[in-house]
PDB file of all heavy atoms in Angstrom:
ATOM      1  N   SER A   1     103.263 116.275 112.726  1.00  0.00           N
ATOM      2  CA  SER A   1     104.153 115.292 111.976  1.00  0.00           C
ATOM      3  C   SER A   1     105.523 115.428 112.485  1.00  0.00           C
ATOM      4  O   SER A   1     106.406 114.580 111.905  1.00  0.00           O
ATOM      5  CB  SER A   1     103.994 115.573 110.421  1.00  0.00           C
ATOM      6  OG  SER A   1     104.325 116.834 110.196  1.00  0.00           O
ATOM      7  N   GLY A   2     105.847 116.226 113.329  1.00  0.00           N
ATOM      8  CA  GLY A   2     107.207 116.243 113.973  1.00  0.00           C
ATOM      9  C   GLY A   2     107.314 116.915 115.279  1.00  0.00           C
ATOM     10  O   GLY A   2     106.443 117.702 115.643  1.00  0.00           O
ATOM     11  N   LEU A   3     108.293 116.600 116.072  1.00  0.00           N
ATOM     12  CA  LEU A   3     108.452 117.048 117.430  1.00  0.00           C
ATOM     13  C   LEU A   3     109.807 117.629 117.650  1.00  0.00           C
ATOM     14  O   LEU A   3     110.798 116.861 117.424  1.00  0.00           O
ATOM     15  CB  LEU A   3     108.115 116.101 118.508  1.00  0.00           C
ATOM     16  CG  LEU A   3     106.711 115.515 118.452  1.00  0.00           C
ATOM     17  CD1 LEU A   3     106.661 114.215 119.390  1.00  0.00           C
ATOM     18  CD2 LEU A   3     105.623 116.524 118.901  1.00  0.00           C
ATOM     19  N   PRO A   4     110.078 118.856 118.021  1.00  0.00           N
ATOM     20  CA  PRO A   4     111.467 119.255 118.479  1.00  0.00           C
ATOM     21  C   PRO A   4     111.810 118.547 119.697  1.00  0.00           C
ATOM     22  O   PRO A   4     111.010 118.206 120.590  1.00  0.00           O
ATOM     23  CB  PRO A   4     111.201 120.789 118.895  1.00  0.00           C
ATOM     24  CG  PRO A   4     109.950 121.215 118.171  1.00  0.00           C
ATOM     25  CD  PRO A   4     109.172 119.921 118.196  1.00  0.00           C
ATOM     26  N   VAL A   5     113.156 118.120 119.775  1.00  0.00           N
ATOM     27  CA  VAL A   5     113.645 117.373 120.982  1.00  0.00           C
ATOM     28  C   VAL A   5     114.421 118.333 121.819  1.00  0.00           C
ATOM     29  O   VAL A   5     115.312 118.959 121.321  1.00  0.00           O
ATOM     30  CB  VAL A   5     114.400 116.159 120.447  1.00  0.00           C
ATOM     31  CG1 VAL A   5     114.948 115.361 121.726  1.00  0.00           C
ATOM     32  CG2 VAL A   5     113.737 115.294 119.524  1.00  0.00           C
ATOM     33  N   ILE A   6     114.097 118.441 123.153  1.00  0.00           N
ATOM     34  CA  ILE A   6     114.658 119.444 123.995  1.00  0.00           C
ATOM     35  C   ILE A   6     115.464 118.641 125.077  1.00  0.00           C
ATOM     36  O   ILE A   6     114.916 117.738 125.745  1.00  0.00           O
ATOM     37  CB  ILE A   6     113.557 120.315 124.737  1.00  0.00           C
ATOM     38  CG1 ILE A   6     112.558 120.863 123.611  1.00  0.00           C
ATOM     39  CG2 ILE A   6     114.215 121.493 125.560  1.00  0.00           C
ATOM     40  CD1 ILE A   6     113.199 121.792 122.629  1.00  0.00           C
ATOM     41  N   ASP A   7     116.580 119.235 125.343  1.00  0.00           N
ATOM     42  CA  ASP A   7     117.493 118.412 126.392  1.00  0.00           C
ATOM     43  C   ASP A   7     117.152 119.118 127.833  1.00  0.00           C
ATOM     44  O   ASP A   7     116.200 119.827 127.875  1.00  0.00           O
ATOM     45  CB  ASP A   7     118.949 118.604 126.105  1.00  0.00           C
ATOM     46  CG  ASP A   7     119.542 120.037 126.075  1.00  0.00           C
ATOM     47  OD1 ASP A   7     118.752 120.895 126.609  1.00  0.00           O
ATOM     48  OD2 ASP A   7     120.574 120.279 125.470  1.00  0.00           O
ATOM     49  N   ASP A   8     117.908 118.628 128.711  1.00  0.00           N
ATOM     50  CA  ASP A   8     117.604 119.083 130.047  1.00  0.00           C
ATOM     51  C   ASP A   8     117.840 120.469 130.338  1.00  0.00           C
ATOM     52  O   ASP A   8     117.336 121.016 131.386  1.00  0.00           O
ATOM     53  CB  ASP A   8     118.538 118.223 131.130  1.00  0.00           C
ATOM     54  CG  ASP A   8     118.051 116.709 131.083  1.00  0.00           C
ATOM     55  OD1 ASP A   8     116.970 116.480 130.760  1.00  0.00           O
ATOM     56  OD2 ASP A   8     118.941 115.974 131.516  1.00  0.00           O
ATOM     57  N   HIS A   9     118.596 121.158 129.421  1.00  0.00           N
ATOM     58  CA  HIS A   9     118.920 122.589 129.577  1.00  0.00           C
ATOM     59  C   HIS A   9     117.947 123.479 128.755  1.00  0.00           C
ATOM     60  O   HIS A   9     118.154 124.644 128.768  1.00  0.00           O
ATOM     61  CB  HIS A   9     120.396 122.925 129.172  1.00  0.00           C
ATOM     62  CG  HIS A   9     121.332 122.124 129.952  1.00  0.00           C
ATOM     63  ND1 HIS A   9     121.775 122.384 131.330  1.00  0.00           N
ATOM     64  CD2 HIS A   9     122.135 121.082 129.655  1.00  0.00           C
ATOM     65  CE1 HIS A   9     122.555 121.524 131.780  1.00  0.00           C
ATOM     66  NE2 HIS A   9     122.823 120.687 130.634  1.00  0.00           N
ATOM     67  N   GLY A  10     116.940 122.918 128.238  1.00  0.00           N
ATOM     68  CA  GLY A  10     115.906 123.586 127.454  1.00  0.00           C
ATOM     69  C   GLY A  10     116.371 123.957 125.974  1.00  0.00           C
ATOM     70  O   GLY A  10     115.704 124.749 125.343  1.00  0.00           O
ATOM     71  N   ARG A  11     117.399 123.380 125.569  1.00  0.00           N
ATOM     72  CA  ARG A  11     117.998 123.570 124.193  1.00  0.00           C
ATOM     73  C   ARG A  11     117.517 122.520 123.207  1.00  0.00           C
ATOM     74  O   ARG A  11     117.318 121.394 123.561  1.00  0.00           O
ATOM     75  CB  ARG A  11     119.465 123.693 124.313  1.00  0.00           C
ATOM     76  CG  ARG A  11     120.017 124.792 125.126  1.00  0.00           C
ATOM     77  CD  ARG A  11     121.689 124.810 125.210  1.00  0.00           C
ATOM     78  NE  ARG A  11     121.943 123.550 125.933  1.00  0.00           N
ATOM     79  CZ  ARG A  11     123.226 123.395 126.537  1.00  0.00           C
ATOM     80  NH1 ARG A  11     124.025 124.507 126.535  1.00  0.00           N
ATOM     81  NH2 ARG A  11     123.488 122.282 127.056  1.00  0.00           N
ATOM     82  N   VAL A  12     117.359 123.008 121.974  1.00  0.00           N
ATOM     83  CA  VAL A  12     116.948 122.062 120.884  1.00  0.00           C
ATOM     84  C   VAL A  12     118.161 121.244 120.586  1.00  0.00           C
ATOM     85  O   VAL A  12     119.168 121.723 120.163  1.00  0.00           O
ATOM     86  CB  VAL A  12     116.484 122.835 119.733  1.00  0.00           C
ATOM     87  CG1 VAL A  12     116.185 121.867 118.486  1.00  0.00           C
ATOM     88  CG2 VAL A  12     115.310 123.700 119.912  1.00  0.00           C
ATOM     89  N   CYS A  13     118.031 119.937 120.753  1.00  0.00           N
ATOM     90  CA  CYS A  13     119.130 119.053 120.407  1.00  0.00           C
ATOM     91  C   CYS A  13     118.758 118.032 119.291  1.00  0.00           C
ATOM     92  O   CYS A  13     119.634 117.306 118.879  1.00  0.00           O
ATOM     93  CB  CYS A  13     119.549 118.177 121.757  1.00  0.00           C
ATOM     94  SG  CYS A  13     118.093 117.150 122.298  1.00  0.00           S
ATOM     95  N   GLY A  14     117.559 118.151 118.785  1.00  0.00           N
ATOM     96  CA  GLY A  14     117.263 117.228 117.624  1.00  0.00           C
ATOM     97  C   GLY A  14     115.801 117.612 117.308  1.00  0.00           C
ATOM     98  O   GLY A  14     115.127 118.353 117.756  1.00  0.00           O
ATOM     99  N   ILE A  15     115.282 116.738 116.358  1.00  0.00           N
ATOM    100  CA  ILE A  15     114.033 116.753 115.899  1.00  0.00           C
ATOM    101  C   ILE A  15     113.627 115.365 115.404  1.00  0.00           C
ATOM    102  O   ILE A  15     114.427 114.683 114.841  1.00  0.00           O
ATOM    103  CB  ILE A  15     113.739 117.855 114.771  1.00  0.00           C
ATOM    104  CG1 ILE A  15     112.276 118.160 114.585  1.00  0.00           C
ATOM    105  CG2 ILE A  15     114.417 117.534 113.474  1.00  0.00           C
ATOM    106  CD1 ILE A  15     111.916 119.397 113.847  1.00  0.00           C
ATOM    107  N   VAL A  16     112.411 114.924 115.773  1.00  0.00           N
ATOM    108  CA  VAL A  16     112.022 113.604 115.331  1.00  0.00           C
ATOM    109  C   VAL A  16     110.739 113.750 114.493  1.00  0.00           C
ATOM    110  O   VAL A  16     109.779 114.557 114.897  1.00  0.00           O
ATOM    111  CB  VAL A  16     111.674 112.743 116.515  1.00  0.00           C
ATOM    112  CG1 VAL A  16     110.647 113.219 117.470  1.00  0.00           C
ATOM    113  CG2 VAL A  16     111.220 111.358 116.093  1.00  0.00           C
ATOM    114  N   THR A  17     110.681 113.269 113.349  1.00  0.00           N
ATOM    115  CA  THR A  17     109.507 113.444 112.465  1.00  0.00           C
ATOM    116  C   THR A  17     108.962 112.133 111.948  1.00  0.00           C
ATOM    117  O   THR A  17     109.547 110.942 112.209  1.00  0.00           O
ATOM    118  CB  THR A  17     109.999 114.171 111.174  1.00  0.00           C
ATOM    119  OG1 THR A  17     110.908 113.366 110.413  1.00  0.00           O
ATOM    120  CG2 THR A  17     110.748 115.392 111.513  1.00  0.00           C
ATOM    121  N   GLU A  18     107.789 112.072 111.188  1.00  0.00           N
ATOM    122  CA  GLU A  18     107.304 110.920 110.641  1.00  0.00           C
ATOM    123  C   GLU A  18     108.222 110.259 109.744  1.00  0.00           C
ATOM    124  O   GLU A  18     108.379 108.966 109.654  1.00  0.00           O
ATOM    125  CB  GLU A  18     106.060 111.223 109.791  1.00  0.00           C
ATOM    126  CG  GLU A  18     104.812 111.720 110.696  1.00  0.00           C
ATOM    127  CD  GLU A  18     103.804 112.351 109.698  1.00  0.00           C
ATOM    128  OE1 GLU A  18     104.106 112.677 108.612  1.00  0.00           O
ATOM    129  OE2 GLU A  18     102.649 112.335 110.292  1.00  0.00           O
ATOM    130  N   GLY A  19     109.151 111.016 108.987  1.00  0.00           N
ATOM    131  CA  GLY A  19     110.087 110.411 108.204  1.00  0.00           C
ATOM    132  C   GLY A  19     111.112 109.539 108.839  1.00  0.00           C
ATOM    133  O   GLY A  19     111.567 108.515 108.338  1.00  0.00           O
ATOM    134  N   ASP A  20     111.395 109.872 110.126  1.00  0.00           N
ATOM    135  CA  ASP A  20     112.387 109.044 110.897  1.00  0.00           C
ATOM    136  C   ASP A  20     111.719 107.802 111.310  1.00  0.00           C
ATOM    137  O   ASP A  20     112.451 106.870 111.853  1.00  0.00           O
ATOM    138  CB  ASP A  20     112.760 109.836 112.167  1.00  0.00           C
ATOM    139  CG  ASP A  20     113.472 111.116 111.737  1.00  0.00           C
ATOM    140  OD1 ASP A  20     114.294 111.151 110.863  1.00  0.00           O
ATOM    141  OD2 ASP A  20     113.179 112.131 112.513  1.00  0.00           O
ATOM    142  N   LEU A  21     110.479 107.449 111.173  1.00  0.00           N
ATOM    143  CA  LEU A  21     109.828 106.351 111.704  1.00  0.00           C
ATOM    144  C   LEU A  21     109.420 105.442 110.548  1.00  0.00           C
ATOM    145  O   LEU A  21     108.889 104.235 110.820  1.00  0.00           O
ATOM    146  CB  LEU A  21     108.616 106.804 112.462  1.00  0.00           C
ATOM    147  CG  LEU A  21     108.943 107.695 113.728  1.00  0.00           C
ATOM    148  CD1 LEU A  21     107.646 108.392 114.148  1.00  0.00           C
ATOM    149  CD2 LEU A  21     109.345 106.755 114.810  1.00  0.00           C
ATOM    150  N   LEU A  22     109.618 105.809 109.401  1.00  0.00           N
ATOM    151  CA  LEU A  22     109.108 104.935 108.287  1.00  0.00           C
ATOM    152  C   LEU A  22     109.695 103.652 108.114  1.00  0.00           C
ATOM    153  O   LEU A  22     109.089 102.664 107.579  1.00  0.00           O
ATOM    154  CB  LEU A  22     109.126 105.743 106.979  1.00  0.00           C
ATOM    155  CG  LEU A  22     108.211 106.975 106.830  1.00  0.00           C
ATOM    156  CD1 LEU A  22     108.504 107.620 105.523  1.00  0.00           C
ATOM    157  CD2 LEU A  22     106.837 106.640 107.145  1.00  0.00           C
ATOM    158  N   LEU A  23     110.938 103.403 108.622  1.00  0.00           N
ATOM    159  CA  LEU A  23     111.638 102.190 108.489  1.00  0.00           C
ATOM    160  C   LEU A  23     111.759 101.406 109.682  1.00  0.00           C
ATOM    161  O   LEU A  23     112.663 100.515 109.878  1.00  0.00           O
ATOM    162  CB  LEU A  23     113.051 102.435 107.825  1.00  0.00           C
ATOM    163  CG  LEU A  23     113.121 103.109 106.509  1.00  0.00           C
ATOM    164  CD1 LEU A  23     114.666 103.301 106.013  1.00  0.00           C
ATOM    165  CD2 LEU A  23     112.353 102.435 105.398  1.00  0.00           C
ATOM    166  N   ARG A  24     110.883 101.648 110.541  1.00  0.00           N
ATOM    167  CA  ARG A  24     110.955 100.965 111.960  1.00  0.00           C
ATOM    168  C   ARG A  24     110.561  99.467 111.713  1.00  0.00           C
ATOM    169  O   ARG A  24     109.957  98.968 110.907  1.00  0.00           O
ATOM    170  CB  ARG A  24     109.862 101.604 112.822  1.00  0.00           C
ATOM    171  CG  ARG A  24     110.068 102.991 113.329  1.00  0.00           C
ATOM    172  CD  ARG A  24     111.326 103.063 114.417  1.00  0.00           C
ATOM    173  NE  ARG A  24     110.979 102.284 115.421  1.00  0.00           N
ATOM    174  CZ  ARG A  24     111.839 102.086 116.517  1.00  0.00           C
ATOM    175  NH1 ARG A  24     113.070 102.485 116.337  1.00  0.00           N
ATOM    176  NH2 ARG A  24     111.565 101.356 117.483  1.00  0.00           N
ATOM    177  N   ARG A  25     111.186  98.705 112.774  1.00  0.00           N
ATOM    178  CA  ARG A  25     110.991  97.239 112.767  1.00  0.00           C
ATOM    179  C   ARG A  25     109.498  96.894 113.035  1.00  0.00           C
ATOM    180  O   ARG A  25     109.152  95.824 112.524  1.00  0.00           O
ATOM    181  CB  ARG A  25     111.859  96.582 113.738  1.00  0.00           C
ATOM    182  CG  ARG A  25     111.692  97.084 115.240  1.00  0.00           C
ATOM    183  CD  ARG A  25     112.535  96.322 116.161  1.00  0.00           C
ATOM    184  NE  ARG A  25     112.383  96.942 117.494  1.00  0.00           N
ATOM    185  CZ  ARG A  25     111.312  96.572 118.387  1.00  0.00           C
ATOM    186  NH1 ARG A  25     110.449  95.608 117.945  1.00  0.00           N
ATOM    187  NH2 ARG A  25     111.260  97.128 119.634  1.00  0.00           N
ATOM    188  N   GLU A  26     108.828  97.684 113.554  1.00  0.00           N
ATOM    189  CA  GLU A  26     107.390  97.425 113.817  1.00  0.00           C
ATOM    190  C   GLU A  26     106.582  97.295 112.674  1.00  0.00           C
ATOM    191  O   GLU A  26     105.530  96.703 112.633  1.00  0.00           O
ATOM    192  CB  GLU A  26     106.781  98.406 114.846  1.00  0.00           C
ATOM    193  CG  GLU A  26     107.388  98.422 116.203  1.00  0.00           C
ATOM    194  CD  GLU A  26     108.511  99.451 116.313  1.00  0.00           C
ATOM    195  OE1 GLU A  26     109.063  99.753 115.368  1.00  0.00           O
ATOM    196  OE2 GLU A  26     108.977  99.594 117.526  1.00  0.00           O
ATOM    197  N   VAL A  27     106.913  97.913 111.544  1.00  0.00           N
ATOM    198  CA  VAL A  27     106.205  97.825 110.297  1.00  0.00           C
ATOM    199  C   VAL A  27     106.789  96.871 109.377  1.00  0.00           C
ATOM    200  O   VAL A  27     106.354  96.886 108.145  1.00  0.00           O
ATOM    201  CB  VAL A  27     105.923  99.210 109.703  1.00  0.00           C
ATOM    202  CG1 VAL A  27     105.214 100.179 110.566  1.00  0.00           C
ATOM    203  CG2 VAL A  27     107.435  99.903 109.266  1.00  0.00           C
ATOM    204  N   ARG A  28     107.848  96.122 109.741  1.00  0.00           N
ATOM    205  CA  ARG A  28     108.562  95.185 108.848  1.00  0.00           C
ATOM    206  C   ARG A  28     107.987  93.797 109.200  1.00  0.00           C
ATOM    207  O   ARG A  28     108.320  93.393 110.376  1.00  0.00           O
ATOM    208  CB  ARG A  28     110.048  95.336 108.951  1.00  0.00           C
ATOM    209  CG  ARG A  28     110.671  94.707 107.868  1.00  0.00           C
ATOM    210  CD  ARG A  28     112.192  95.005 107.687  1.00  0.00           C
ATOM    211  NE  ARG A  28     112.999  94.832 108.935  1.00  0.00           N
ATOM    212  CZ  ARG A  28     113.442  95.773 109.824  1.00  0.00           C
ATOM    213  NH1 ARG A  28     113.289  96.949 109.387  1.00  0.00           N
ATOM    214  NH2 ARG A  28     114.036  95.462 110.922  1.00  0.00           N
ATOM    215  N   PHE A  29     107.309  93.071 108.357  1.00  0.00           N
ATOM    216  CA  PHE A  29     106.674  91.779 108.642  1.00  0.00           C
ATOM    217  C   PHE A  29     107.774  90.597 108.738  1.00  0.00           C
ATOM    218  O   PHE A  29     107.467  89.722 109.352  1.00  0.00           O
ATOM    219  CB  PHE A  29     105.573  91.520 107.755  1.00  0.00           C
ATOM    220  CG  PHE A  29     104.454  92.495 107.839  1.00  0.00           C
ATOM    221  CD1 PHE A  29     104.255  93.446 106.900  1.00  0.00           C
ATOM    222  CD2 PHE A  29     103.688  92.451 108.954  1.00  0.00           C
ATOM    223  CE1 PHE A  29     103.259  94.376 107.017  1.00  0.00           C
ATOM    224  CE2 PHE A  29     102.542  93.409 109.074  1.00  0.00           C
ATOM    225  CZ  PHE A  29     102.341  94.229 108.022  1.00  0.00           C
ATOM    226  N   ALA A  30     108.787  90.828 107.977  1.00  0.00           N
ATOM    227  CA  ALA A  30     109.766  89.692 107.901  1.00  0.00           C
ATOM    228  C   ALA A  30     111.132  90.375 108.241  1.00  0.00           C
ATOM    229  O   ALA A  30     111.429  91.441 107.777  1.00  0.00           O
ATOM    230  CB  ALA A  30     109.852  89.053 106.579  1.00  0.00           C
ATOM    231  N   PRO A  31     112.049  89.608 108.957  1.00  0.00           N
ATOM    232  CA  PRO A  31     113.409  90.134 109.242  1.00  0.00           C
ATOM    233  C   PRO A  31     114.258  90.257 108.065  1.00  0.00           C
ATOM    234  O   PRO A  31     114.108  89.409 107.059  1.00  0.00           O
ATOM    235  CB  PRO A  31     113.994  89.116 110.168  1.00  0.00           C
ATOM    236  CG  PRO A  31     113.210  87.961 109.900  1.00  0.00           C
ATOM    237  CD  PRO A  31     111.851  88.275 109.603  1.00  0.00           C
ATOM    238  N   ARG A  32     115.138  91.186 107.948  1.00  0.00           N
ATOM    239  CA  ARG A  32     115.969  91.374 106.792  1.00  0.00           C
ATOM    240  C   ARG A  32     117.017  90.174 106.880  1.00  0.00           C
ATOM    241  O   ARG A  32     117.438  89.683 107.918  1.00  0.00           O
ATOM    242  CB  ARG A  32     116.630  92.642 106.851  1.00  0.00           C
ATOM    243  CG  ARG A  32     115.723  93.869 106.459  1.00  0.00           C
ATOM    244  CD  ARG A  32     116.352  95.257 106.649  1.00  0.00           C
ATOM    245  NE  ARG A  32     115.568  96.274 106.179  1.00  0.00           N
ATOM    246  CZ  ARG A  32     115.800  97.566 106.289  1.00  0.00           C
ATOM    247  NH1 ARG A  32     116.909  97.840 106.845  1.00  0.00           N
ATOM    248  NH2 ARG A  32     114.886  98.434 106.001  1.00  0.00           N
TER     249      ARG A  32
END
């Protein structure tokens, strides 16, 4: 449910999780 994000130097620069994807435009049927 989540992936560490690694930069070109092998360091952790972030993390992406299911929670970061819940408000994506792909699941919104009508524009705001």
